[in-house]
Amino acid sequence: MTDKPNLPFGLNPIRIMILGMGVLALVISLSIIMGGPGAYQALKDASNAAKEPTAEQLQGE
């Protein structure tokens, strides 16, 4: 009688694996929503380009 009774919300190896897969799916979903690293690089490039005036802005002055 040394067996522990199974609790309804206890963690066992199957539930831990399912939780891990859920976390992985959440991380993948968030990275897709945010656009991935390519969108971040494009944002950095656009930010750097916006710091310098364009040719049209230089001709107007």
Protein backbone atom coordinates (compact mmCIF):
# COMPACT_ATOMS: atom_id res chain seq x y z
CA MET A 1 0.00 0.00 0.00
CA THR A 2 2.78 2.44 -0.80
CA ASP A 3 1.15 3.53 -4.07
CA LYS A 4 0.04 7.13 -4.14
CA PRO A 5 -3.54 7.71 -5.24
CA ASN A 6 -3.85 9.42 -8.63
CA LEU A 7 -5.04 12.96 -8.11
CA PRO A 8 -7.27 14.40 -10.83
CA PHE A 9 -4.90 17.32 -11.50
CA GLY A 10 -1.58 15.67 -10.69
CA LEU A 11 1.32 15.90 -13.12
CA ASN A 12 2.42 12.69 -14.71
CA PRO A 13 4.82 12.23 -17.66
CA ILE A 14 2.03 12.29 -20.27
CA ARG A 15 0.58 15.56 -18.95
CA ILE A 16 4.03 17.15 -18.78
CA MET A 17 4.62 16.20 -22.43
CA ILE A 18 1.24 17.65 -23.44
CA LEU A 19 2.00 20.87 -21.56
CA GLY A 20 5.39 21.10 -23.28
CA MET A 21 3.79 20.64 -26.70
CA GLY A 22 1.24 23.35 -25.85
CA VAL A 23 4.01 25.77 -24.87
CA LEU A 24 5.87 25.00 -28.10
CA ALA A 25 2.72 25.61 -30.15
CA LEU A 26 2.18 28.90 -28.31
CA VAL A 27 5.74 30.06 -29.03
CA ILE A 28 5.42 29.14 -32.71
CA SER A 29 2.06 30.95 -32.95
CA LEU A 30 3.46 34.11 -31.36
CA SER A 31 6.47 34.13 -33.67
CA ILE A 32 4.23 33.77 -36.71
CA ILE A 33 1.96 36.58 -35.51
CA MET A 34 4.93 38.85 -34.88
CA GLY A 35 6.32 38.16 -38.35
CA GLY A 36 9.49 36.34 -37.44
CA PRO A 37 13.06 37.65 -37.62
CA GLY A 38 12.67 38.89 -41.21
CA ALA A 39 10.08 41.46 -40.18
CA TYR A 40 12.32 42.64 -37.35
CA GLN A 41 15.22 43.18 -39.76
CA ALA A 42 12.94 45.09 -42.15
CA LEU A 43 11.78 47.27 -39.26
CA LYS A 44 15.40 48.04 -38.30
CA ASP A 45 16.25 48.91 -41.92
CA ALA A 46 13.24 51.21 -42.21
CA SER A 47 14.13 52.90 -38.94
CA ASN A 48 17.68 53.54 -40.10
CA ALA A 49 16.47 54.83 -43.47
CA ALA A 50 14.04 57.22 -41.78
CA LYS A 51 16.88 58.92 -39.90
CA GLU A 52 18.30 60.36 -43.13
CA PRO A 53 16.40 62.67 -45.48
CA THR A 54 15.28 61.28 -48.83
CA ALA A 55 16.24 62.73 -52.21
CA GLU A 56 12.84 64.39 -52.51
CA GLN A 57 13.29 66.09 -49.14
CA LEU A 58 16.74 67.35 -50.11
CA GLN A 59 15.48 68.85 -53.40
CA GLY A 60 12.67 70.69 -51.63
CA GLU A 61 15.03 72.66 -49.42
